[in-house]
Amino acid sequence: MLSNLVFAGGLTALAATNGALGLVAAWIVLGVGMALGLYDAGFATLAALYGHKARGPITGTTFSTQAALSISSRPVTCINSVSSRSGNS
């Protein structure tokens, strides 16, 4: 239930944003919503499918989502780095 409210807030913020800072903030809120709601369902599904051998798939899922987060956040850090060098921070 809480994850649905956080998702709704993030999507509303994403729709209403006009700048890069608002976009980053909206994506952070959406990321929190995903962490609140989607991990539990995914891990429960893996536990139901694999039983006691679910540790490997759960670890793989966790590592792949963190890698995706690292890759997707890289452009934001590059934009921030370039804007701070040019004095536009």
N, C-alpha and C. Protein backbone atom coordinates (compact mmCIF):
# COMPACT_ATOMS: atom_id res chain seq x y z
N MET A 1 0.82 -1.20 0.00
CA MET A 1 0.00 0.00 0.00
C MET A 1 0.87 1.26 0.00
N LEU A 2 1.87 1.28 0.87
CA LEU A 2 2.74 2.45 0.93
C LEU A 2 3.49 2.65 -0.38
N SER A 3 3.92 1.53 -0.98
CA SER A 3 4.66 1.65 -2.23
C SER A 3 3.79 2.27 -3.33
N ASN A 4 2.51 1.98 -3.33
CA ASN A 4 1.61 2.58 -4.32
C ASN A 4 1.52 4.09 -4.16
N LEU A 5 1.48 4.55 -2.93
CA LEU A 5 1.42 6.00 -2.69
C LEU A 5 2.72 6.68 -3.09
N VAL A 6 3.83 6.02 -2.81
CA VAL A 6 5.13 6.59 -3.19
C VAL A 6 5.26 6.62 -4.71
N PHE A 7 4.83 5.53 -5.39
CA PHE A 7 4.83 5.51 -6.85
C PHE A 7 3.98 6.65 -7.41
N ALA A 8 2.78 6.83 -6.86
CA ALA A 8 1.90 7.89 -7.34
C ALA A 8 2.53 9.26 -7.16
N GLY A 9 3.17 9.47 -6.01
CA GLY A 9 3.86 10.74 -5.78
C GLY A 9 5.01 10.95 -6.75
N GLY A 10 5.77 9.90 -7.01
CA GLY A 10 6.88 10.01 -7.95
C GLY A 10 6.42 10.28 -9.37
N LEU A 11 5.36 9.61 -9.80
CA LEU A 11 4.84 9.84 -11.15
C LEU A 11 4.24 11.24 -11.29
N THR A 12 3.59 11.70 -10.24
CA THR A 12 3.04 13.07 -10.26
C THR A 12 4.17 14.09 -10.34
N ALA A 13 5.21 13.87 -9.55
CA ALA A 13 6.37 14.77 -9.60
C ALA A 13 7.04 14.72 -10.97
N LEU A 14 7.13 13.53 -11.55
CA LEU A 14 7.76 13.38 -12.86
C LEU A 14 6.96 14.13 -13.93
N ALA A 15 5.64 14.08 -13.83
CA ALA A 15 4.80 14.77 -14.80
C ALA A 15 4.85 16.28 -14.64
N ALA A 16 5.10 16.74 -13.43
CA ALA A 16 5.04 18.18 -13.16
C ALA A 16 6.39 18.88 -13.26
N THR A 17 7.46 18.12 -13.41
CA THR A 17 8.79 18.74 -13.36
C THR A 17 9.13 19.47 -14.65
N ASN A 18 9.94 20.52 -14.50
CA ASN A 18 10.39 21.31 -15.64
C ASN A 18 11.91 21.34 -15.79
N GLY A 19 12.61 20.86 -14.78
CA GLY A 19 14.06 20.96 -14.84
C GLY A 19 14.75 19.68 -14.45
N ALA A 20 16.06 19.70 -14.55
CA ALA A 20 16.85 18.51 -14.27
C ALA A 20 16.78 18.12 -12.79
N LEU A 21 16.78 19.09 -11.91
CA LEU A 21 16.71 18.80 -10.48
C LEU A 21 15.40 18.11 -10.12
N GLY A 22 14.30 18.60 -10.66
CA GLY A 22 13.00 17.97 -10.43
C GLY A 22 12.93 16.57 -11.00
N LEU A 23 13.56 16.38 -12.15
CA LEU A 23 13.60 15.06 -12.78
C LEU A 23 14.37 14.07 -11.90
N VAL A 24 15.51 14.49 -11.40
CA VAL A 24 16.29 13.62 -10.53
C VAL A 24 15.52 13.30 -9.25
N ALA A 25 14.88 14.31 -8.67
CA ALA A 25 14.11 14.08 -7.44
C ALA A 25 12.95 13.11 -7.69
N ALA A 26 12.27 13.25 -8.82
CA ALA A 26 11.16 12.36 -9.15
C ALA A 26 11.65 10.93 -9.33
N TRP A 27 12.79 10.76 -9.99
CA TRP A 27 13.34 9.41 -10.18
C TRP A 27 13.79 8.80 -8.87
N ILE A 28 14.27 9.60 -7.95
CA ILE A 28 14.63 9.09 -6.62
C ILE A 28 13.39 8.58 -5.90
N VAL A 29 12.32 9.35 -5.96
CA VAL A 29 11.06 8.92 -5.33
C VAL A 29 10.55 7.64 -5.98
N LEU A 30 10.63 7.54 -7.31
CA LEU A 30 10.22 6.31 -7.99
C LEU A 30 11.10 5.13 -7.58
N GLY A 31 12.38 5.35 -7.41
CA GLY A 31 13.27 4.30 -6.96
C GLY A 31 12.92 3.80 -5.56
N VAL A 32 12.56 4.72 -4.69
CA VAL A 32 12.13 4.33 -3.34
C VAL A 32 10.84 3.51 -3.43
N GLY A 33 9.93 3.92 -4.31
CA GLY A 33 8.69 3.16 -4.49
C GLY A 33 8.96 1.75 -4.99
N MET A 34 9.90 1.62 -5.91
CA MET A 34 10.26 0.29 -6.41
C MET A 34 10.87 -0.56 -5.30
N ALA A 35 11.72 0.03 -4.51
CA ALA A 35 12.34 -0.71 -3.42
C ALA A 35 11.30 -1.16 -2.40
N LEU A 36 10.30 -0.33 -2.18
CA LEU A 36 9.26 -0.69 -1.22
C LEU A 36 8.34 -1.80 -1.71
N GLY A 37 8.07 -1.84 -3.01
CA GLY A 37 7.05 -2.76 -3.49
C GLY A 37 7.50 -3.91 -4.34
N LEU A 38 8.45 -3.70 -5.21
CA LEU A 38 8.76 -4.72 -6.21
C LEU A 38 9.74 -5.77 -5.73
N TYR A 39 10.66 -5.43 -4.87
CA TYR A 39 11.62 -6.42 -4.39
C TYR A 39 10.91 -7.56 -3.66
N ASP A 40 9.98 -7.23 -2.79
CA ASP A 40 9.30 -8.27 -2.02
C ASP A 40 8.58 -9.26 -2.91
N ALA A 41 7.87 -8.75 -3.90
CA ALA A 41 7.14 -9.64 -4.80
C ALA A 41 8.10 -10.50 -5.63
N GLY A 42 9.17 -9.91 -6.08
CA GLY A 42 10.16 -10.67 -6.85
C GLY A 42 10.83 -11.75 -6.03
N PHE A 43 11.21 -11.41 -4.80
CA PHE A 43 11.86 -12.38 -3.95
C PHE A 43 10.90 -13.49 -3.53
N ALA A 44 9.64 -13.15 -3.30
CA ALA A 44 8.65 -14.18 -2.97
C ALA A 44 8.45 -15.13 -4.14
N THR A 45 8.44 -14.60 -5.35
CA THR A 45 8.31 -15.46 -6.53
C THR A 45 9.51 -16.38 -6.68
N LEU A 46 10.71 -15.84 -6.49
CA LEU A 46 11.91 -16.68 -6.58
C LEU A 46 11.91 -17.76 -5.49
N ALA A 47 11.47 -17.41 -4.28
CA ALA A 47 11.42 -18.40 -3.21
C ALA A 47 10.39 -19.49 -3.52
N ALA A 48 9.26 -19.11 -4.12
CA ALA A 48 8.25 -20.11 -4.49
C ALA A 48 8.75 -21.01 -5.61
N LEU A 49 9.50 -20.45 -6.55
CA LEU A 49 9.99 -21.25 -7.68
C LEU A 49 11.15 -22.17 -7.31
N TYR A 50 12.09 -21.65 -6.50
CA TYR A 50 13.33 -22.38 -6.24
C TYR A 50 13.41 -22.99 -4.84
N GLY A 51 12.52 -22.63 -3.96
CA GLY A 51 12.54 -23.19 -2.61
C GLY A 51 13.82 -22.84 -1.87
N HIS A 52 14.48 -23.87 -1.31
CA HIS A 52 15.70 -23.65 -0.53
C HIS A 52 16.88 -23.24 -1.39
N LYS A 53 16.78 -23.39 -2.70
CA LYS A 53 17.88 -23.02 -3.60
C LYS A 53 17.69 -21.61 -4.18
N ALA A 54 16.88 -20.80 -3.54
CA ALA A 54 16.58 -19.46 -4.05
C ALA A 54 17.67 -18.44 -3.75
N ARG A 55 18.63 -18.78 -2.92
CA ARG A 55 19.67 -17.82 -2.53
C ARG A 55 20.43 -17.28 -3.74
N GLY A 56 20.82 -18.16 -4.66
CA GLY A 56 21.56 -17.74 -5.86
C GLY A 56 20.77 -16.79 -6.75
N PRO A 57 19.52 -17.15 -7.12
CA PRO A 57 18.72 -16.23 -7.94
C PRO A 57 18.42 -14.90 -7.24
N ILE A 58 18.22 -14.93 -5.94
CA ILE A 58 17.96 -13.69 -5.21
C ILE A 58 19.22 -12.81 -5.22
N THR A 59 20.38 -13.42 -5.01
CA THR A 59 21.63 -12.67 -5.06
C THR A 59 21.86 -12.09 -6.46
N GLY A 60 21.59 -12.89 -7.49
CA GLY A 60 21.74 -12.41 -8.87
C GLY A 60 20.80 -11.26 -9.17
N THR A 61 19.57 -11.35 -8.70
CA THR A 61 18.61 -10.27 -8.89
C THR A 61 19.07 -8.99 -8.20
N THR A 62 19.55 -9.12 -6.98
CA THR A 62 20.01 -7.95 -6.23
C THR A 62 21.20 -7.30 -6.92
N PHE A 63 22.18 -8.11 -7.34
CA PHE A 63 23.35 -7.54 -8.02
C PHE A 63 22.98 -6.89 -9.34
N SER A 64 22.09 -7.51 -10.12
CA SER A 64 21.74 -6.94 -11.42
C SER A 64 20.96 -5.64 -11.27
N THR A 65 20.09 -5.55 -10.27
CA THR A 65 19.36 -4.29 -10.09
C THR A 65 20.28 -3.18 -9.60
N GLN A 66 21.25 -3.53 -8.76
CA GLN A 66 22.19 -2.50 -8.31
C GLN A 66 23.11 -2.06 -9.44
N ALA A 67 23.48 -2.99 -10.31
CA ALA A 67 24.29 -2.61 -11.48
C ALA A 67 23.50 -1.69 -12.40
N ALA A 68 22.23 -2.00 -12.59
CA ALA A 68 21.38 -1.15 -13.43
C ALA A 68 21.24 0.24 -12.81
N LEU A 69 21.11 0.30 -11.51
CA LEU A 69 21.03 1.60 -10.83
C LEU A 69 22.32 2.39 -11.01
N SER A 70 23.45 1.72 -10.90
CA SER A 70 24.74 2.39 -11.07
C SER A 70 24.91 2.92 -12.49
N ILE A 71 24.50 2.12 -13.46
CA ILE A 71 24.62 2.54 -14.86
C ILE A 71 23.67 3.69 -15.18
N SER A 72 22.44 3.61 -14.67
CA SER A 72 21.46 4.65 -15.00
C SER A 72 21.73 5.95 -14.26
N SER A 73 22.41 5.89 -13.11
CA SER A 73 22.71 7.13 -12.39
C SER A 73 23.97 7.81 -12.91
N ARG A 74 24.75 7.14 -13.72
CA ARG A 74 25.99 7.72 -14.25
C ARG A 74 25.76 8.99 -15.07
N PRO A 75 24.77 9.03 -15.97
CA PRO A 75 24.57 10.29 -16.72
C PRO A 75 24.24 11.47 -15.81
N VAL A 76 23.53 11.23 -14.73
CA VAL A 76 23.19 12.31 -13.82
C VAL A 76 24.46 12.87 -13.16
N THR A 77 25.36 11.99 -12.76
CA THR A 77 26.59 12.48 -12.14
C THR A 77 27.47 13.20 -13.16
N CYS A 78 27.43 12.76 -14.41
CA CYS A 78 28.21 13.45 -15.45
C CYS A 78 27.65 14.84 -15.71
N ILE A 79 26.33 14.96 -15.77
CA ILE A 79 25.70 16.26 -16.00
C ILE A 79 26.04 17.20 -14.84
N ASN A 80 25.97 16.68 -13.62
CA ASN A 80 26.29 17.49 -12.45
C ASN A 80 27.75 17.92 -12.48
N SER A 81 28.63 17.04 -12.89
CA SER A 81 30.05 17.34 -12.96
C SER A 81 30.34 18.43 -14.00
N VAL A 82 29.71 18.33 -15.16
CA VAL A 82 29.92 19.31 -16.23
C VAL A 82 29.35 20.67 -15.82
N SER A 83 28.15 20.66 -15.21
CA SER A 83 27.55 21.94 -14.84
C SER A 83 28.33 22.61 -13.72
N SER A 84 28.94 21.83 -12.81
CA SER A 84 29.72 22.47 -11.74
C SER A 84 31.03 23.04 -12.26
N ARG A 85 31.59 22.43 -13.32
CA ARG A 85 32.82 22.97 -13.92
C ARG A 85 32.56 24.28 -14.65
N SER A 86 31.38 24.39 -15.25
CA SER A 86 31.08 25.58 -16.01
C SER A 86 30.50 26.69 -15.15
N GLY A 87 30.31 26.41 -13.85
CA GLY A 87 29.78 27.43 -12.95
C GLY A 87 28.28 27.55 -12.98
N ASN A 88 27.58 26.55 -13.49
CA ASN A 88 26.12 26.58 -13.56
C ASN A 88 25.45 25.76 -12.48
N SER A 89 26.11 25.50 -11.40
CA SER A 89 25.51 24.65 -10.34
C SER A 89 24.59 25.44 -9.50
